[in-house]
Amino acid sequence: MCIGCYREAYEIASWGTHFTARERSWALYDATDRVPQTTTSSTTFGTTDDDDDDDDDPKFVFGGSITREELLRQARAWESMQ
């Protein structure tokens, strides 16, 4: 899965040559389900775990390059081209 657009590898590979407008719309609607609920559109680099207790706190957090709302906007745009 792409961490920027939340599409899966086969969706990205098929996008330019095999997908119809309808399939592109479906792929984008599917991608909205992959956007983490806690994700914002910002990126945080170098977050650190200062308490050194070896828990699962992330050292790097990436919120993705696209928001759920933008994926929905694009999905509707492709849907209108059918």
PDB file of N, CA and C in Angstrom:
ATOM      1  N   MET A   1       0.843  -1.173   0.000  1.00  0.00           N
ATOM      2  CA  MET A   1       0.000   0.000   0.000  1.00  0.00           C
ATOM      3  C   MET A   1       0.891   1.239   0.000  1.00  0.00           C
ATOM      4  N   CYS A   2       0.531   2.205  -0.781  1.00  0.00           N
ATOM      5  CA  CYS A   2       1.261   3.468  -0.837  1.00  0.00           C
ATOM      6  C   CYS A   2       0.911   4.299   0.398  1.00  0.00           C
ATOM      7  N   ILE A   3       1.923   4.806   1.088  1.00  0.00           N
ATOM      8  CA  ILE A   3       1.654   5.606   2.285  1.00  0.00           C
ATOM      9  C   ILE A   3       1.275   7.040   1.944  1.00  0.00           C
ATOM     10  N   GLY A   4       1.333   7.396   0.675  1.00  0.00           N
ATOM     11  CA  GLY A   4       0.948   8.735   0.268  1.00  0.00           C
ATOM     12  C   GLY A   4      -0.489   8.827  -0.206  1.00  0.00           C
ATOM     13  N   CYS A   5      -0.933   7.796  -0.964  1.00  0.00           N
ATOM     14  CA  CYS A   5      -2.279   7.847  -1.554  1.00  0.00           C
ATOM     15  C   CYS A   5      -3.183   6.724  -1.070  1.00  0.00           C
ATOM     16  N   TYR A   6      -2.622   5.775  -0.317  1.00  0.00           N
ATOM     17  CA  TYR A   6      -3.366   4.660   0.270  1.00  0.00           C
ATOM     18  C   TYR A   6      -3.927   3.670  -0.752  1.00  0.00           C
ATOM     19  N   ARG A   7      -3.444   3.746  -2.002  1.00  0.00           N
ATOM     20  CA  ARG A   7      -3.846   2.732  -2.972  1.00  0.00           C
ATOM     21  C   ARG A   7      -2.911   1.542  -2.862  1.00  0.00           C
ATOM     22  N   GLU A   8      -3.403   0.373  -3.245  1.00  0.00           N
ATOM     23  CA  GLU A   8      -2.591  -0.839  -3.226  1.00  0.00           C
ATOM     24  C   GLU A   8      -1.777  -0.926  -4.516  1.00  0.00           C
ATOM     25  N   ALA A   9      -0.748  -1.748  -4.485  1.00  0.00           N
ATOM     26  CA  ALA A   9       0.192  -1.848  -5.605  1.00  0.00           C
ATOM     27  C   ALA A   9      -0.514  -2.192  -6.919  1.00  0.00           C
ATOM     28  N   TYR A  10      -1.449  -3.131  -6.895  1.00  0.00           N
ATOM     29  CA  TYR A  10      -2.112  -3.503  -8.152  1.00  0.00           C
ATOM     30  C   TYR A  10      -2.972  -2.363  -8.681  1.00  0.00           C
ATOM     31  N   GLU A  11      -3.522  -1.533  -7.786  1.00  0.00           N
ATOM     32  CA  GLU A  11      -4.311  -0.375  -8.228  1.00  0.00           C
ATOM     33  C   GLU A  11      -3.413   0.654  -8.903  1.00  0.00           C
ATOM     34  N   ILE A  12      -2.251   0.880  -8.326  1.00  0.00           N
ATOM     35  CA  ILE A  12      -1.303   1.828  -8.909  1.00  0.00           C
ATOM     36  C   ILE A  12      -0.801   1.318 -10.255  1.00  0.00           C
ATOM     37  N   ALA A  13      -0.465   0.026 -10.326  1.00  0.00           N
ATOM     38  CA  ALA A  13       0.055  -0.555 -11.561  1.00  0.00           C
ATOM     39  C   ALA A  13      -0.985  -0.546 -12.676  1.00  0.00           C
ATOM     40  N   SER A  14      -2.247  -0.705 -12.342  1.00  0.00           N
ATOM     41  CA  SER A  14      -3.311  -0.786 -13.343  1.00  0.00           C
ATOM     42  C   SER A  14      -3.909   0.568 -13.701  1.00  0.00           C
ATOM     43  N   TRP A  15      -3.589   1.572 -12.941  1.00  0.00           N
ATOM     44  CA  TRP A  15      -4.240   2.877 -13.073  1.00  0.00           C
ATOM     45  C   TRP A  15      -4.161   3.441 -14.488  1.00  0.00           C
ATOM     46  N   GLY A  16      -2.984   3.525 -15.040  1.00  0.00           N
ATOM     47  CA  GLY A  16      -2.806   4.212 -16.316  1.00  0.00           C
ATOM     48  C   GLY A  16      -3.167   3.416 -17.551  1.00  0.00           C
ATOM     49  N   THR A  17      -3.155   2.109 -17.454  1.00  0.00           N
ATOM     50  CA  THR A  17      -3.342   1.309 -18.658  1.00  0.00           C
ATOM     51  C   THR A  17      -4.580   0.425 -18.662  1.00  0.00           C
ATOM     52  N   HIS A  18      -5.031  -0.003 -17.491  1.00  0.00           N
ATOM     53  CA  HIS A  18      -6.120  -0.987 -17.470  1.00  0.00           C
ATOM     54  C   HIS A  18      -7.418  -0.492 -16.834  1.00  0.00           C
ATOM     55  N   PHE A  19      -7.350   0.480 -15.977  1.00  0.00           N
ATOM     56  CA  PHE A  19      -8.553   0.898 -15.251  1.00  0.00           C
ATOM     57  C   PHE A  19      -9.415   1.853 -16.072  1.00  0.00           C
ATOM     58  N   THR A  20     -10.703   1.609 -16.023  1.00  0.00           N
ATOM     59  CA  THR A  20     -11.673   2.548 -16.589  1.00  0.00           C
ATOM     60  C   THR A  20     -11.927   3.637 -15.546  1.00  0.00           C
ATOM     61  N   ALA A  21     -12.685   4.645 -15.919  1.00  0.00           N
ATOM     62  CA  ALA A  21     -13.033   5.702 -14.972  1.00  0.00           C
ATOM     63  C   ALA A  21     -13.771   5.120 -13.768  1.00  0.00           C
ATOM     64  N   ARG A  22     -14.654   4.177 -14.024  1.00  0.00           N
ATOM     65  CA  ARG A  22     -15.408   3.539 -12.940  1.00  0.00           C
ATOM     66  C   ARG A  22     -14.464   2.800 -11.988  1.00  0.00           C
ATOM     67  N   GLU A  23     -13.521   2.046 -12.535  1.00  0.00           N
ATOM     68  CA  GLU A  23     -12.574   1.305 -11.695  1.00  0.00           C
ATOM     69  C   GLU A  23     -11.668   2.255 -10.907  1.00  0.00           C
ATOM     70  N   ARG A  24     -11.294   3.377 -11.494  1.00  0.00           N
ATOM     71  CA  ARG A  24     -10.502   4.370 -10.773  1.00  0.00           C
ATOM     72  C   ARG A  24     -11.302   4.930  -9.603  1.00  0.00           C
ATOM     73  N   SER A  25     -12.563   5.196  -9.845  1.00  0.00           N
ATOM     74  CA  SER A  25     -13.429   5.679  -8.780  1.00  0.00           C
ATOM     75  C   SER A  25     -13.516   4.655  -7.656  1.00  0.00           C
ATOM     76  N   TRP A  26     -13.730   3.404  -8.007  1.00  0.00           N
ATOM     77  CA  TRP A  26     -13.811   2.339  -6.994  1.00  0.00           C
ATOM     78  C   TRP A  26     -12.515   2.231  -6.198  1.00  0.00           C
ATOM     79  N   ALA A  27     -11.369   2.318  -6.896  1.00  0.00           N
ATOM     80  CA  ALA A  27     -10.073   2.226  -6.214  1.00  0.00           C
ATOM     81  C   ALA A  27      -9.921   3.361  -5.195  1.00  0.00           C
ATOM     82  N   LEU A  28     -10.350   4.552  -5.566  1.00  0.00           N
ATOM     83  CA  LEU A  28     -10.240   5.683  -4.642  1.00  0.00           C
ATOM     84  C   LEU A  28     -11.203   5.541  -3.471  1.00  0.00           C
ATOM     85  N   TYR A  29     -12.415   5.054  -3.741  1.00  0.00           N
ATOM     86  CA  TYR A  29     -13.341   4.794  -2.626  1.00  0.00           C
ATOM     87  C   TYR A  29     -12.750   3.738  -1.686  1.00  0.00           C
ATOM     88  N   ASP A  30     -12.150   2.698  -2.251  1.00  0.00           N
ATOM     89  CA  ASP A  30     -11.505   1.674  -1.419  1.00  0.00           C
ATOM     90  C   ASP A  30     -10.360   2.270  -0.604  1.00  0.00           C
ATOM     91  N   ALA A  31      -9.603   3.154  -1.206  1.00  0.00           N
ATOM     92  CA  ALA A  31      -8.466   3.769  -0.515  1.00  0.00           C
ATOM     93  C   ALA A  31      -8.911   4.586   0.698  1.00  0.00           C
ATOM     94  N   THR A  32     -10.109   5.145   0.646  1.00  0.00           N
ATOM     95  CA  THR A  32     -10.586   5.928   1.801  1.00  0.00           C
ATOM     96  C   THR A  32     -10.704   5.058   3.044  1.00  0.00           C
ATOM     97  N   ASP A  33     -10.982   3.769   2.843  1.00  0.00           N
ATOM     98  CA  ASP A  33     -11.067   2.852   3.986  1.00  0.00           C
ATOM     99  C   ASP A  33      -9.702   2.559   4.594  1.00  0.00           C
ATOM    100  N   ARG A  34      -8.634   2.847   3.859  1.00  0.00           N
ATOM    101  CA  ARG A  34      -7.281   2.571   4.347  1.00  0.00           C
ATOM    102  C   ARG A  34      -6.646   3.758   5.060  1.00  0.00           C
ATOM    103  N   VAL A  35      -7.293   4.917   4.993  1.00  0.00           N
ATOM    104  CA  VAL A  35      -6.753   6.100   5.673  1.00  0.00           C
ATOM    105  C   VAL A  35      -6.952   5.901   7.173  1.00  0.00           C
ATOM    106  N   PRO A  36      -5.869   5.947   7.944  1.00  0.00           N
ATOM    107  CA  PRO A  36      -6.014   5.772   9.395  1.00  0.00           C
ATOM    108  C   PRO A  36      -6.916   6.842  10.000  1.00  0.00           C
ATOM    109  N   GLN A  37      -7.743   6.454  10.940  1.00  0.00           N
ATOM    110  CA  GLN A  37      -8.681   7.391  11.554  1.00  0.00           C
ATOM    111  C   GLN A  37      -7.989   8.526  12.291  1.00  0.00           C
ATOM    112  N   THR A  38      -6.798   8.273  12.808  1.00  0.00           N
ATOM    113  CA  THR A  38      -6.081   9.295  13.564  1.00  0.00           C
ATOM    114  C   THR A  38      -5.167  10.134  12.698  1.00  0.00           C
ATOM    115  N   THR A  39      -5.180   9.910  11.393  1.00  0.00           N
ATOM    116  CA  THR A  39      -4.283  10.605  10.493  1.00  0.00           C
ATOM    117  C   THR A  39      -4.744  12.027  10.251  1.00  0.00           C
ATOM    118  N   THR A  40      -3.784  12.926  10.273  1.00  0.00           N
ATOM    119  CA  THR A  40      -4.013  14.289   9.815  1.00  0.00           C
ATOM    120  C   THR A  40      -3.210  14.458   8.549  1.00  0.00           C
ATOM    121  N   SER A  41      -3.316  15.593   7.919  1.00  0.00           N
ATOM    122  CA  SER A  41      -2.571  15.790   6.688  1.00  0.00           C
ATOM    123  C   SER A  41      -1.136  16.226   6.952  1.00  0.00           C
ATOM    124  N   SER A  42      -0.734  16.298   8.192  1.00  0.00           N
ATOM    125  CA  SER A  42       0.623  16.739   8.502  1.00  0.00           C
ATOM    126  C   SER A  42       1.568  15.557   8.649  1.00  0.00           C
ATOM    127  N   THR A  43       2.821  15.838   8.516  1.00  0.00           N
ATOM    128  CA  THR A  43       3.871  14.839   8.648  1.00  0.00           C
ATOM    129  C   THR A  43       4.747  15.216   9.833  1.00  0.00           C
ATOM    130  N   THR A  44       5.091  14.248  10.645  1.00  0.00           N
ATOM    131  CA  THR A  44       5.969  14.490  11.780  1.00  0.00           C
ATOM    132  C   THR A  44       7.207  13.638  11.617  1.00  0.00           C
ATOM    133  N   PHE A  45       8.342  14.266  11.567  1.00  0.00           N
ATOM    134  CA  PHE A  45       9.608  13.550  11.458  1.00  0.00           C
ATOM    135  C   PHE A  45      10.321  13.614  12.791  1.00  0.00           C
ATOM    136  N   GLY A  46      11.030  12.546  13.130  1.00  0.00           N
ATOM    137  CA  GLY A  46      11.918  12.565  14.273  1.00  0.00           C
ATOM    138  C   GLY A  46      11.238  12.593  15.618  1.00  0.00           C
ATOM    139  N   THR A  47      10.016  12.101  15.741  1.00  0.00           N
ATOM    140  CA  THR A  47       9.424  12.008  17.061  1.00  0.00           C
ATOM    141  C   THR A  47      10.209  10.982  17.839  1.00  0.00           C
ATOM    142  N   THR A  48      10.425  11.255  19.087  1.00  0.00           N
ATOM    143  CA  THR A  48      11.256  10.352  19.875  1.00  0.00           C
ATOM    144  C   THR A  48      10.535   9.888  21.111  1.00  0.00           C
ATOM    145  N   ASP A  49      10.999   8.800  21.608  1.00  0.00           N
ATOM    146  CA  ASP A  49      10.480   8.211  22.830  1.00  0.00           C
ATOM    147  C   ASP A  49      11.489   8.539  23.926  1.00  0.00           C
ATOM    148  N   ASP A  50      11.220   9.572  24.706  1.00  0.00           N
ATOM    149  CA  ASP A  50      12.184  10.058  25.689  1.00  0.00           C
ATOM    150  C   ASP A  50      12.267   9.231  26.954  1.00  0.00           C
ATOM    151  N   ASP A  51      11.281   8.364  27.198  1.00  0.00           N
ATOM    152  CA  ASP A  51      11.301   7.641  28.472  1.00  0.00           C
ATOM    153  C   ASP A  51      12.066   6.311  28.405  1.00  0.00           C
ATOM    154  N   ASP A  52      12.579   5.940  27.233  1.00  0.00           N
ATOM    155  CA  ASP A  52      13.429   4.755  27.067  1.00  0.00           C
ATOM    156  C   ASP A  52      12.868   3.476  27.674  1.00  0.00           C
ATOM    157  N   ASP A  53      11.552   3.285  27.623  1.00  0.00           N
ATOM    158  CA  ASP A  53      10.983   2.063  28.196  1.00  0.00           C
ATOM    159  C   ASP A  53      10.713   0.990  27.143  1.00  0.00           C
ATOM    160  N   ASP A  54      11.226   1.172  25.930  1.00  0.00           N
ATOM    161  CA  ASP A  54      11.130   0.185  24.850  1.00  0.00           C
ATOM    162  C   ASP A  54       9.706  -0.234  24.509  1.00  0.00           C
ATOM    163  N   ASP A  55       8.767   0.706  24.608  1.00  0.00           N
ATOM    164  CA  ASP A  55       7.407   0.378  24.176  1.00  0.00           C
ATOM    165  C   ASP A  55       7.275   0.624  22.681  1.00  0.00           C
ATOM    166  N   ASP A  56       6.078   0.576  22.169  1.00  0.00           N
ATOM    167  CA  ASP A  56       5.862   0.649  20.736  1.00  0.00           C
ATOM    168  C   ASP A  56       5.591   2.054  20.226  1.00  0.00           C
ATOM    169  N   ASP A  57       6.049   3.082  20.910  1.00  0.00           N
ATOM    170  CA  ASP A  57       5.864   4.443  20.431  1.00  0.00           C
ATOM    171  C   ASP A  57       6.615   4.616  19.117  1.00  0.00           C
ATOM    172  N   PRO A  58       5.990   5.263  18.125  1.00  0.00           N
ATOM    173  CA  PRO A  58       6.654   5.412  16.835  1.00  0.00           C
ATOM    174  C   PRO A  58       7.809   6.405  16.909  1.00  0.00           C
ATOM    175  N   LYS A  59       8.829   6.135  16.132  1.00  0.00           N
ATOM    176  CA  LYS A  59       9.945   7.061  15.993  1.00  0.00           C
ATOM    177  C   LYS A  59       9.725   7.947  14.774  1.00  0.00           C
ATOM    178  N   PHE A  60       8.841   7.530  13.897  1.00  0.00           N
ATOM    179  CA  PHE A  60       8.550   8.249  12.673  1.00  0.00           C
ATOM    180  C   PHE A  60       7.056   8.119  12.410  1.00  0.00           C
ATOM    181  N   VAL A  61       6.392   9.219  12.243  1.00  0.00           N
ATOM    182  CA  VAL A  61       4.950   9.205  11.986  1.00  0.00           C
ATOM    183  C   VAL A  61       4.702   9.930  10.678  1.00  0.00           C
ATOM    184  N   PHE A  62       4.014   9.274   9.755  1.00  0.00           N
ATOM    185  CA  PHE A  62       3.681   9.883   8.474  1.00  0.00           C
ATOM    186  C   PHE A  62       2.182   9.849   8.311  1.00  0.00           C
ATOM    187  N   GLY A  63       1.589  10.999   8.128  1.00  0.00           N
ATOM    188  CA  GLY A  63       0.147  11.106   8.029  1.00  0.00           C
ATOM    189  C   GLY A  63      -0.403  10.926   6.641  1.00  0.00           C
ATOM    190  N   GLY A  64       0.437  10.589   5.675  1.00  0.00           N
ATOM    191  CA  GLY A  64      -0.042  10.443   4.308  1.00  0.00           C
ATOM    192  C   GLY A  64      -0.026  11.776   3.583  1.00  0.00           C
ATOM    193  N   SER A  65      -0.046  11.705   2.297  1.00  0.00           N
ATOM    194  CA  SER A  65      -0.004  12.924   1.492  1.00  0.00           C
ATOM    195  C   SER A  65      -1.385  13.410   1.103  1.00  0.00           C
ATOM    196  N   ILE A  66      -2.384  12.594   1.311  1.00  0.00           N
ATOM    197  CA  ILE A  66      -3.726  12.945   0.865  1.00  0.00           C
ATOM    198  C   ILE A  66      -4.714  12.690   2.001  1.00  0.00           C
ATOM    199  N   THR A  67      -5.706  13.515   2.069  1.00  0.00           N
ATOM    200  CA  THR A  67      -6.727  13.342   3.109  1.00  0.00           C
ATOM    201  C   THR A  67      -7.861  12.465   2.585  1.00  0.00           C
ATOM    202  N   ARG A  68      -8.632  11.953   3.493  1.00  0.00           N
ATOM    203  CA  ARG A  68      -9.800  11.142   3.124  1.00  0.00           C
ATOM    204  C   ARG A  68     -10.769  11.968   2.279  1.00  0.00           C
ATOM    205  N   GLU A  69     -10.937  13.222   2.646  1.00  0.00           N
ATOM    206  CA  GLU A  69     -11.857  14.105   1.917  1.00  0.00           C
ATOM    207  C   GLU A  69     -11.405  14.312   0.470  1.00  0.00           C
ATOM    208  N   GLU A  70     -10.095  14.439   0.262  1.00  0.00           N
ATOM    209  CA  GLU A  70      -9.584  14.603  -1.097  1.00  0.00           C
ATOM    210  C   GLU A  70      -9.754  13.323  -1.901  1.00  0.00           C
ATOM    211  N   LEU A  71      -9.539  12.179  -1.289  1.00  0.00           N
ATOM    212  CA  LEU A  71      -9.787  10.910  -1.986  1.00  0.00           C
ATOM    213  C   LEU A  71     -11.249  10.815  -2.419  1.00  0.00           C
ATOM    214  N   LEU A  72     -12.153  11.203  -1.535  1.00  0.00           N
ATOM    215  CA  LEU A  72     -13.580  11.174  -1.878  1.00  0.00           C
ATOM    216  C   LEU A  72     -13.901  12.147  -3.010  1.00  0.00           C
ATOM    217  N   ARG A  73     -13.294  13.334  -2.977  1.00  0.00           N
ATOM    218  CA  ARG A  73     -13.526  14.316  -4.041  1.00  0.00           C
ATOM    219  C   ARG A  73     -13.073  13.747  -5.382  1.00  0.00           C
ATOM    220  N   GLN A  74     -11.889  13.132  -5.398  1.00  0.00           N
ATOM    221  CA  GLN A  74     -11.370  12.554  -6.635  1.00  0.00           C
ATOM    222  C   GLN A  74     -12.207  11.365  -7.093  1.00  0.00           C
ATOM    223  N   ALA A  75     -12.658  10.546  -6.167  1.00  0.00           N
ATOM    224  CA  ALA A  75     -13.502   9.398  -6.526  1.00  0.00           C
ATOM    225  C   ALA A  75     -14.790   9.871  -7.183  1.00  0.00           C
ATOM    226  N   ARG A  76     -15.392  10.908  -6.631  1.00  0.00           N
ATOM    227  CA  ARG A  76     -16.633  11.450  -7.222  1.00  0.00           C
ATOM    228  C   ARG A  76     -16.367  12.043  -8.602  1.00  0.00           C
ATOM    229  N   ALA A  77     -15.202  12.663  -8.786  1.00  0.00           N
ATOM    230  CA  ALA A  77     -14.864  13.240 -10.088  1.00  0.00           C
ATOM    231  C   ALA A  77     -14.726  12.135 -11.146  1.00  0.00           C
ATOM    232  N   TRP A  78     -14.027  11.033 -10.802  1.00  0.00           N
ATOM    233  CA  TRP A  78     -13.908   9.921 -11.739  1.00  0.00           C
ATOM    234  C   TRP A  78     -15.262   9.284 -11.994  1.00  0.00           C
ATOM    235  N   GLU A  79     -16.086   9.220 -10.957  1.00  0.00           N
ATOM    236  CA  GLU A  79     -17.424   8.624 -11.076  1.00  0.00           C
ATOM    237  C   GLU A  79     -18.274   9.426 -12.086  1.00  0.00           C
ATOM    238  N   SER A  80     -18.101  10.725 -12.087  1.00  0.00           N
ATOM    239  CA  SER A  80     -18.892  11.568 -12.992  1.00  0.00           C
ATOM    240  C   SER A  80     -18.468  11.426 -14.451  1.00  0.00           C
ATOM    241  N   MET A  81     -17.278  10.829 -14.695  1.00  0.00           N
ATOM    242  CA  MET A  81     -16.779  10.637 -16.051  1.00  0.00           C
ATOM    243  C   MET A  81     -17.260   9.348 -16.687  1.00  0.00           C
ATOM    244  N   GLN A  82     -18.047   8.574 -15.998  1.00  0.00           N
ATOM    245  CA  GLN A  82     -18.496   7.265 -16.500  1.00  0.00           C
ATOM    246  C   GLN A  82     -19.515   7.449 -17.585  1.00  0.00           C
TER     247      GLN A  82
END
